[in-house]
Amino acid sequence: MTAIQDKIRNNHCYGCGADNPKGMQIKSHWDGEVSVCEYTPRAEQCAGPTQFVYGGTIASLIDCHSVGTALAHQYELEGRDVGEGEAIWCVTGKLTVDYLAPTPIDQPIELRARIEKSEGRKTTVSCSLSSGGDVTARGEVIAIRVPSSWRND
């Protein structure tokens, strides 16, 4: 199954861009009505204590996985597969993250996102981040669909 991010043309985003070889290269897939992403943290993504993931990395993972989920949802609303026809782009309008517990850096992270509300250009997505089966962070993203003129490539 091809990841949502791998279907997006000309995406150089640090978190989710398949066209950014130095980025995080996250990969999201639908599992029913939930999109799922597994990510293995890198040593340089540590917090002050090197055994935990830096909070900014956690926020980036929640942000990019959620915006990718919203973007895929926008394509779905138009009856198209991601990347089919004219490109659809979404950006972060709002990101909130609740850090519930430290996230260990030495094991994979799982993100699970769900569409909570969809109103025109605005999609609200809830997301949980787990490590070792424990939810260590939760987030909410409001993704905004932007016009194709927003892109300059």
N, C-alpha and C. Protein backbone atom coordinates (compact mmCIF):
# COMPACT_ATOMS: atom_id res chain seq x y z
N MET A 1 0.85 -1.18 0.00
CA MET A 1 0.00 0.00 0.00
C MET A 1 0.89 1.25 0.00
N THR A 2 0.60 2.16 -0.89
CA THR A 2 1.38 3.39 -1.00
C THR A 2 0.92 4.38 0.07
N ALA A 3 1.89 4.97 0.76
CA ALA A 3 1.59 5.94 1.81
C ALA A 3 0.97 7.20 1.22
N ILE A 4 0.14 7.86 2.03
CA ILE A 4 -0.47 9.13 1.62
C ILE A 4 0.62 10.09 1.12
N GLN A 5 1.69 10.23 1.88
CA GLN A 5 2.74 11.20 1.57
C GLN A 5 3.45 10.87 0.25
N ASP A 6 3.53 9.59 -0.10
CA ASP A 6 4.21 9.20 -1.34
C ASP A 6 3.37 9.50 -2.57
N LYS A 7 2.11 9.86 -2.39
CA LYS A 7 1.22 10.21 -3.51
C LYS A 7 1.18 11.71 -3.75
N ILE A 8 1.78 12.49 -2.85
CA ILE A 8 1.74 13.95 -2.95
C ILE A 8 2.95 14.41 -3.77
N ARG A 9 2.69 15.06 -4.89
CA ARG A 9 3.78 15.52 -5.75
C ARG A 9 4.40 16.80 -5.19
N ASN A 10 5.72 16.90 -5.36
CA ASN A 10 6.47 18.12 -5.00
C ASN A 10 6.29 18.52 -3.54
N ASN A 11 6.36 17.54 -2.64
CA ASN A 11 6.21 17.83 -1.22
C ASN A 11 7.59 17.78 -0.55
N HIS A 12 8.07 18.95 -0.17
CA HIS A 12 9.40 19.07 0.42
C HIS A 12 9.34 19.33 1.93
N CYS A 13 8.19 19.12 2.54
CA CYS A 13 8.02 19.36 3.98
C CYS A 13 9.03 18.53 4.77
N TYR A 14 9.60 19.13 5.80
CA TYR A 14 10.57 18.42 6.64
C TYR A 14 9.97 17.18 7.30
N GLY A 15 8.73 17.26 7.74
CA GLY A 15 8.13 16.14 8.45
C GLY A 15 7.57 15.07 7.53
N CYS A 16 6.86 15.48 6.49
CA CYS A 16 6.13 14.50 5.70
C CYS A 16 6.51 14.46 4.23
N GLY A 17 7.45 15.27 3.80
CA GLY A 17 7.76 15.35 2.38
C GLY A 17 8.61 14.20 1.87
N ALA A 18 8.03 13.43 0.96
CA ALA A 18 8.79 12.35 0.32
C ALA A 18 9.93 12.91 -0.51
N ASP A 19 9.82 14.19 -0.92
CA ASP A 19 10.85 14.82 -1.74
C ASP A 19 11.92 15.53 -0.91
N ASN A 20 11.93 15.32 0.40
CA ASN A 20 12.95 15.91 1.27
C ASN A 20 13.78 14.77 1.88
N PRO A 21 14.92 14.44 1.27
CA PRO A 21 15.71 13.30 1.74
C PRO A 21 16.28 13.49 3.16
N LYS A 22 16.35 14.71 3.65
CA LYS A 22 16.87 14.96 5.00
C LYS A 22 15.76 15.08 6.04
N GLY A 23 14.51 14.95 5.60
CA GLY A 23 13.36 15.10 6.49
C GLY A 23 13.04 13.83 7.25
N MET A 24 11.93 13.86 7.95
CA MET A 24 11.52 12.73 8.80
C MET A 24 10.88 11.61 7.98
N GLN A 25 10.37 11.93 6.80
CA GLN A 25 9.85 10.91 5.88
C GLN A 25 8.74 10.06 6.49
N ILE A 26 7.79 10.68 7.19
CA ILE A 26 6.72 9.88 7.79
C ILE A 26 5.83 9.29 6.70
N LYS A 27 5.22 8.17 7.01
CA LYS A 27 4.36 7.46 6.06
C LYS A 27 3.06 7.12 6.78
N SER A 28 1.95 7.61 6.23
CA SER A 28 0.63 7.39 6.83
C SER A 28 -0.24 6.54 5.90
N HIS A 29 -1.06 5.68 6.51
CA HIS A 29 -1.97 4.81 5.76
C HIS A 29 -3.33 4.79 6.45
N TRP A 30 -4.37 4.59 5.67
CA TRP A 30 -5.71 4.42 6.24
C TRP A 30 -5.86 3.01 6.78
N ASP A 31 -6.45 2.91 7.94
CA ASP A 31 -6.88 1.64 8.53
C ASP A 31 -8.34 1.85 8.94
N GLY A 32 -9.23 1.64 7.99
CA GLY A 32 -10.63 1.98 8.23
C GLY A 32 -10.78 3.49 8.23
N GLU A 33 -11.37 4.02 9.29
CA GLU A 33 -11.58 5.47 9.39
C GLU A 33 -10.46 6.17 10.15
N VAL A 34 -9.41 5.45 10.48
CA VAL A 34 -8.27 6.00 11.21
C VAL A 34 -7.04 5.93 10.32
N SER A 35 -6.25 6.98 10.31
CA SER A 35 -4.98 6.91 9.59
C SER A 35 -3.90 6.58 10.62
N VAL A 36 -2.97 5.74 10.20
CA VAL A 36 -1.95 5.23 11.09
C VAL A 36 -0.57 5.52 10.50
N CYS A 37 0.36 5.84 11.39
CA CYS A 37 1.75 6.08 10.98
C CYS A 37 2.66 5.45 12.03
N GLU A 38 3.65 4.71 11.59
CA GLU A 38 4.69 4.23 12.51
C GLU A 38 5.97 4.96 12.17
N TYR A 39 6.64 5.42 13.22
CA TYR A 39 7.86 6.20 13.04
C TYR A 39 8.90 5.74 14.06
N THR A 40 10.13 5.58 13.60
CA THR A 40 11.21 5.22 14.51
C THR A 40 12.06 6.47 14.75
N PRO A 41 12.08 6.96 16.00
CA PRO A 41 12.86 8.16 16.30
C PRO A 41 14.35 7.94 16.07
N ARG A 42 15.03 9.03 15.72
CA ARG A 42 16.49 9.00 15.53
C ARG A 42 17.16 9.59 16.77
N ALA A 43 18.38 9.17 17.03
CA ALA A 43 19.11 9.59 18.24
C ALA A 43 19.17 11.11 18.38
N GLU A 44 19.33 11.82 17.27
CA GLU A 44 19.46 13.29 17.34
C GLU A 44 18.14 13.98 17.65
N GLN A 45 17.04 13.24 17.71
CA GLN A 45 15.73 13.81 18.03
C GLN A 45 15.44 13.70 19.53
N CYS A 46 16.49 13.62 20.31
CA CYS A 46 16.33 13.46 21.76
C CYS A 46 16.01 14.78 22.46
N ALA A 47 15.44 14.62 23.63
CA ALA A 47 15.20 15.77 24.52
C ALA A 47 16.49 16.00 25.30
N GLY A 48 16.44 16.82 26.35
CA GLY A 48 17.61 16.99 27.22
C GLY A 48 18.09 15.65 27.74
N PRO A 49 17.19 14.85 28.35
CA PRO A 49 17.56 13.48 28.69
C PRO A 49 17.52 12.65 27.39
N THR A 50 18.63 12.08 27.01
CA THR A 50 18.76 11.45 25.70
C THR A 50 17.90 10.20 25.50
N GLN A 51 17.27 9.70 26.55
CA GLN A 51 16.42 8.51 26.40
C GLN A 51 14.99 8.85 25.97
N PHE A 52 14.67 10.15 25.85
CA PHE A 52 13.32 10.56 25.48
C PHE A 52 13.32 11.40 24.20
N VAL A 53 12.20 11.37 23.50
CA VAL A 53 12.03 12.14 22.26
C VAL A 53 11.73 13.60 22.60
N TYR A 54 12.38 14.49 21.88
CA TYR A 54 12.20 15.93 22.00
C TYR A 54 10.74 16.31 21.70
N GLY A 55 10.18 17.18 22.50
CA GLY A 55 8.78 17.59 22.34
C GLY A 55 8.47 18.20 21.00
N GLY A 56 9.42 18.91 20.41
CA GLY A 56 9.21 19.50 19.09
C GLY A 56 9.07 18.43 18.01
N THR A 57 9.80 17.35 18.16
CA THR A 57 9.67 16.23 17.22
C THR A 57 8.28 15.61 17.36
N ILE A 58 7.82 15.45 18.58
CA ILE A 58 6.48 14.91 18.82
C ILE A 58 5.43 15.81 18.18
N ALA A 59 5.56 17.12 18.37
CA ALA A 59 4.61 18.06 17.77
C ALA A 59 4.65 17.97 16.24
N SER A 60 5.84 17.86 15.67
CA SER A 60 5.97 17.74 14.21
C SER A 60 5.30 16.47 13.70
N LEU A 61 5.48 15.37 14.41
CA LEU A 61 4.86 14.11 13.99
C LEU A 61 3.34 14.22 14.01
N ILE A 62 2.80 14.78 15.08
CA ILE A 62 1.35 14.95 15.18
C ILE A 62 0.85 15.89 14.09
N ASP A 63 1.56 16.99 13.89
CA ASP A 63 1.19 17.98 12.88
C ASP A 63 1.16 17.36 11.48
N CYS A 64 2.25 16.77 11.06
CA CYS A 64 2.35 16.27 9.69
C CYS A 64 1.44 15.07 9.44
N HIS A 65 1.32 14.19 10.41
CA HIS A 65 0.42 13.04 10.23
C HIS A 65 -1.02 13.54 10.13
N SER A 66 -1.39 14.50 10.94
CA SER A 66 -2.76 15.02 10.94
C SER A 66 -3.07 15.81 9.68
N VAL A 67 -2.14 16.63 9.22
CA VAL A 67 -2.38 17.41 8.00
C VAL A 67 -2.45 16.47 6.80
N GLY A 68 -1.62 15.44 6.77
CA GLY A 68 -1.70 14.44 5.70
C GLY A 68 -3.05 13.74 5.70
N THR A 69 -3.56 13.45 6.89
CA THR A 69 -4.87 12.82 7.03
C THR A 69 -5.96 13.75 6.50
N ALA A 70 -5.88 15.04 6.85
CA ALA A 70 -6.86 16.02 6.38
C ALA A 70 -6.79 16.17 4.86
N LEU A 71 -5.60 16.20 4.33
CA LEU A 71 -5.42 16.33 2.88
C LEU A 71 -6.04 15.12 2.17
N ALA A 72 -5.78 13.92 2.67
CA ALA A 72 -6.37 12.71 2.08
C ALA A 72 -7.90 12.77 2.17
N HIS A 73 -8.40 13.30 3.26
CA HIS A 73 -9.85 13.45 3.43
C HIS A 73 -10.42 14.41 2.38
N GLN A 74 -9.73 15.50 2.11
CA GLN A 74 -10.18 16.46 1.10
C GLN A 74 -10.26 15.81 -0.28
N TYR A 75 -9.26 14.99 -0.61
CA TYR A 75 -9.32 14.25 -1.88
C TYR A 75 -10.53 13.31 -1.88
N GLU A 76 -10.72 12.62 -0.77
CA GLU A 76 -11.84 11.67 -0.66
C GLU A 76 -13.18 12.38 -0.88
N LEU A 77 -13.33 13.58 -0.34
CA LEU A 77 -14.57 14.33 -0.50
C LEU A 77 -14.86 14.62 -1.98
N GLU A 78 -13.80 14.70 -2.77
CA GLU A 78 -13.97 14.97 -4.20
C GLU A 78 -14.00 13.67 -5.02
N GLY A 79 -13.97 12.53 -4.34
CA GLY A 79 -14.02 11.25 -5.04
C GLY A 79 -12.75 10.92 -5.80
N ARG A 80 -11.62 11.45 -5.32
CA ARG A 80 -10.34 11.22 -6.00
C ARG A 80 -9.36 10.55 -5.04
N ASP A 81 -8.40 9.84 -5.62
CA ASP A 81 -7.30 9.28 -4.84
C ASP A 81 -6.28 10.41 -4.62
N VAL A 82 -5.54 10.35 -3.53
CA VAL A 82 -4.53 11.37 -3.24
C VAL A 82 -3.57 11.47 -4.43
N GLY A 83 -3.34 12.70 -4.88
CA GLY A 83 -2.43 12.95 -5.98
C GLY A 83 -3.07 12.89 -7.35
N GLU A 84 -4.31 12.47 -7.42
CA GLU A 84 -5.01 12.36 -8.71
C GLU A 84 -5.57 13.71 -9.11
N GLY A 85 -5.29 14.12 -10.34
CA GLY A 85 -5.81 15.39 -10.85
C GLY A 85 -5.10 16.58 -10.22
N GLU A 86 -5.81 17.71 -10.18
CA GLU A 86 -5.23 18.93 -9.61
C GLU A 86 -4.87 18.71 -8.14
N ALA A 87 -3.69 19.16 -7.76
CA ALA A 87 -3.19 18.95 -6.39
C ALA A 87 -4.04 19.68 -5.37
N ILE A 88 -4.25 19.03 -4.25
CA ILE A 88 -4.89 19.63 -3.09
C ILE A 88 -3.82 19.82 -2.02
N TRP A 89 -3.80 20.99 -1.40
CA TRP A 89 -2.83 21.28 -0.34
C TRP A 89 -3.56 21.78 0.89
N CYS A 90 -3.09 21.33 2.04
CA CYS A 90 -3.59 21.82 3.33
C CYS A 90 -2.42 22.30 4.15
N VAL A 91 -2.67 23.29 4.99
CA VAL A 91 -1.66 23.80 5.91
C VAL A 91 -2.23 23.78 7.33
N THR A 92 -1.36 23.89 8.30
CA THR A 92 -1.76 23.91 9.69
C THR A 92 -2.35 25.27 10.04
N GLY A 93 -3.60 25.27 10.49
CA GLY A 93 -4.23 26.49 10.98
C GLY A 93 -4.06 26.60 12.49
N LYS A 94 -4.08 25.46 13.15
CA LYS A 94 -3.91 25.42 14.60
C LYS A 94 -3.40 24.05 14.99
N LEU A 95 -2.49 24.02 15.94
CA LEU A 95 -1.93 22.78 16.47
C LEU A 95 -1.90 22.87 17.98
N THR A 96 -2.52 21.90 18.64
CA THR A 96 -2.41 21.82 20.10
C THR A 96 -1.90 20.42 20.43
N VAL A 97 -0.99 20.38 21.40
CA VAL A 97 -0.41 19.11 21.83
C VAL A 97 -0.46 19.03 23.34
N ASP A 98 -0.93 17.91 23.84
CA ASP A 98 -0.88 17.62 25.27
C ASP A 98 0.14 16.51 25.47
N TYR A 99 1.18 16.81 26.23
CA TYR A 99 2.22 15.83 26.52
C TYR A 99 1.81 15.11 27.80
N LEU A 100 1.58 13.80 27.70
CA LEU A 100 1.05 13.04 28.82
C LEU A 100 2.13 12.29 29.61
N ALA A 101 3.19 11.91 28.92
CA ALA A 101 4.29 11.17 29.55
C ALA A 101 5.50 11.25 28.62
N PRO A 102 6.70 11.06 29.15
CA PRO A 102 7.87 11.05 28.27
C PRO A 102 7.74 9.93 27.23
N THR A 103 8.22 10.20 26.03
CA THR A 103 8.18 9.22 24.94
C THR A 103 9.58 8.63 24.77
N PRO A 104 9.73 7.34 25.03
CA PRO A 104 11.06 6.71 24.89
C PRO A 104 11.57 6.83 23.45
N ILE A 105 12.87 7.06 23.31
CA ILE A 105 13.46 7.23 21.99
C ILE A 105 13.89 5.91 21.37
N ASP A 106 13.95 4.85 22.18
CA ASP A 106 14.52 3.59 21.70
C ASP A 106 13.48 2.59 21.18
N GLN A 107 12.28 3.06 20.88
CA GLN A 107 11.26 2.17 20.32
C GLN A 107 10.37 2.94 19.35
N PRO A 108 9.71 2.21 18.46
CA PRO A 108 8.86 2.87 17.47
C PRO A 108 7.70 3.64 18.12
N ILE A 109 7.27 4.65 17.40
CA ILE A 109 6.13 5.47 17.78
C ILE A 109 4.99 5.14 16.83
N GLU A 110 3.77 5.10 17.36
CA GLU A 110 2.60 4.92 16.51
C GLU A 110 1.69 6.13 16.66
N LEU A 111 1.26 6.68 15.53
CA LEU A 111 0.30 7.78 15.51
C LEU A 111 -0.99 7.27 14.92
N ARG A 112 -2.10 7.69 15.52
CA ARG A 112 -3.44 7.32 15.04
C ARG A 112 -4.27 8.60 14.98
N ALA A 113 -4.77 8.92 13.79
CA ALA A 113 -5.51 10.17 13.60
C ALA A 113 -6.90 9.88 13.04
N ARG A 114 -7.82 10.73 13.43
CA ARG A 114 -9.22 10.58 13.02
C ARG A 114 -9.79 11.95 12.67
N ILE A 115 -10.59 11.98 11.60
CA ILE A 115 -11.29 13.22 11.23
C ILE A 115 -12.41 13.43 12.25
N GLU A 116 -12.39 14.58 12.91
CA GLU A 116 -13.43 14.91 13.89
C GLU A 116 -14.52 15.78 13.29
N LYS A 117 -14.10 16.70 12.39
CA LYS A 117 -15.07 17.63 11.80
C LYS A 117 -14.51 18.10 10.46
N SER A 118 -15.41 18.27 9.50
CA SER A 118 -15.00 18.74 8.18
C SER A 118 -16.02 19.77 7.72
N GLU A 119 -15.56 21.00 7.56
CA GLU A 119 -16.43 22.11 7.16
C GLU A 119 -15.74 22.92 6.08
N GLY A 120 -16.10 22.67 4.82
CA GLY A 120 -15.50 23.42 3.72
C GLY A 120 -14.00 23.22 3.66
N ARG A 121 -13.27 24.32 3.78
CA ARG A 121 -11.80 24.25 3.71
C ARG A 121 -11.16 23.79 5.02
N LYS A 122 -11.92 23.72 6.10
CA LYS A 122 -11.36 23.44 7.42
C LYS A 122 -11.67 22.00 7.84
N THR A 123 -10.61 21.27 8.24
CA THR A 123 -10.75 19.90 8.74
C THR A 123 -10.10 19.82 10.10
N THR A 124 -10.83 19.32 11.09
CA THR A 124 -10.29 19.12 12.43
C THR A 124 -9.96 17.66 12.61
N VAL A 125 -8.72 17.41 13.04
CA VAL A 125 -8.20 16.05 13.19
C VAL A 125 -7.70 15.86 14.62
N SER A 126 -8.08 14.73 15.24
CA SER A 126 -7.52 14.38 16.54
C SER A 126 -6.47 13.29 16.31
N CYS A 127 -5.43 13.29 17.13
CA CYS A 127 -4.33 12.36 16.93
C CYS A 127 -3.76 11.93 18.28
N SER A 128 -3.47 10.63 18.37
CA SER A 128 -2.77 10.14 19.56
C SER A 128 -1.40 9.61 19.13
N LEU A 129 -0.44 9.75 20.02
CA LEU A 129 0.92 9.27 19.78
C LEU A 129 1.24 8.28 20.89
N SER A 130 1.63 7.07 20.50
CA SER A 130 1.91 6.01 21.47
C SER A 130 3.31 5.46 21.30
N SER A 131 3.83 4.96 22.40
CA SER A 131 5.12 4.28 22.40
C SER A 131 5.02 3.11 23.36
N GLY A 132 5.37 1.93 22.88
CA GLY A 132 5.28 0.75 23.74
C GLY A 132 3.87 0.46 24.21
N GLY A 133 2.88 0.87 23.45
CA GLY A 133 1.49 0.64 23.82
C GLY A 133 0.89 1.69 24.73
N ASP A 134 1.69 2.65 25.18
CA ASP A 134 1.21 3.72 26.06
C ASP A 134 1.05 5.02 25.28
N VAL A 135 -0.10 5.68 25.44
CA VAL A 135 -0.30 6.99 24.81
C VAL A 135 0.52 8.00 25.60
N THR A 136 1.45 8.66 24.91
CA THR A 136 2.32 9.63 25.57
C THR A 136 2.02 11.08 25.17
N ALA A 137 1.23 11.25 24.10
CA ALA A 137 0.84 12.60 23.69
C ALA A 137 -0.46 12.51 22.88
N ARG A 138 -1.24 13.58 22.95
CA ARG A 138 -2.45 13.72 22.14
C ARG A 138 -2.41 15.11 21.51
N GLY A 139 -2.97 15.18 20.33
CA GLY A 139 -2.98 16.47 19.66
C GLY A 139 -4.25 16.69 18.87
N GLU A 140 -4.47 17.94 18.53
CA GLU A 140 -5.56 18.30 17.64
C GLU A 140 -5.00 19.29 16.64
N VAL A 141 -5.35 19.07 15.39
CA VAL A 141 -4.90 19.95 14.31
C VAL A 141 -6.12 20.43 13.55
N ILE A 142 -6.13 21.73 13.28
CA ILE A 142 -7.09 22.28 12.33
C ILE A 142 -6.30 22.54 11.07
N ALA A 143 -6.63 21.78 10.03
CA ALA A 143 -5.95 21.91 8.75
C ALA A 143 -6.83 22.73 7.82
N ILE A 144 -6.21 23.63 7.08
CA ILE A 144 -6.92 24.52 6.18
C ILE A 144 -6.49 24.22 4.74
N ARG A 145 -7.47 23.97 3.91
CA ARG A 145 -7.17 23.76 2.49
C ARG A 145 -6.85 25.12 1.88
N VAL A 146 -5.73 25.18 1.17
CA VAL A 146 -5.29 26.43 0.54
C VAL A 146 -5.45 26.32 -0.97
N PRO A 147 -5.61 27.47 -1.65
CA PRO A 147 -5.76 27.44 -3.11
C PRO A 147 -4.48 26.94 -3.79
N SER A 148 -4.63 26.40 -4.98
CA SER A 148 -3.47 25.89 -5.70
C SER A 148 -2.45 26.99 -6.00
N SER A 149 -2.90 28.25 -6.05
CA SER A 149 -1.97 29.36 -6.29
C SER A 149 -1.00 29.56 -5.13
N TRP A 150 -1.28 28.93 -3.98
CA TRP A 150 -0.39 29.00 -2.82
C TRP A 150 0.97 28.40 -3.14
N ARG A 151 0.97 27.39 -4.02
CA ARG A 151 2.21 26.73 -4.42
C ARG A 151 2.87 27.55 -5.53
N ASN A 152 4.18 27.56 -5.55
CA ASN A 152 4.87 28.30 -6.61
C ASN A 152 5.79 27.40 -7.43
N ASP A 153 5.49 26.08 -7.47
CA ASP A 153 6.38 25.20 -8.23
C ASP A 153 5.80 24.75 -9.51
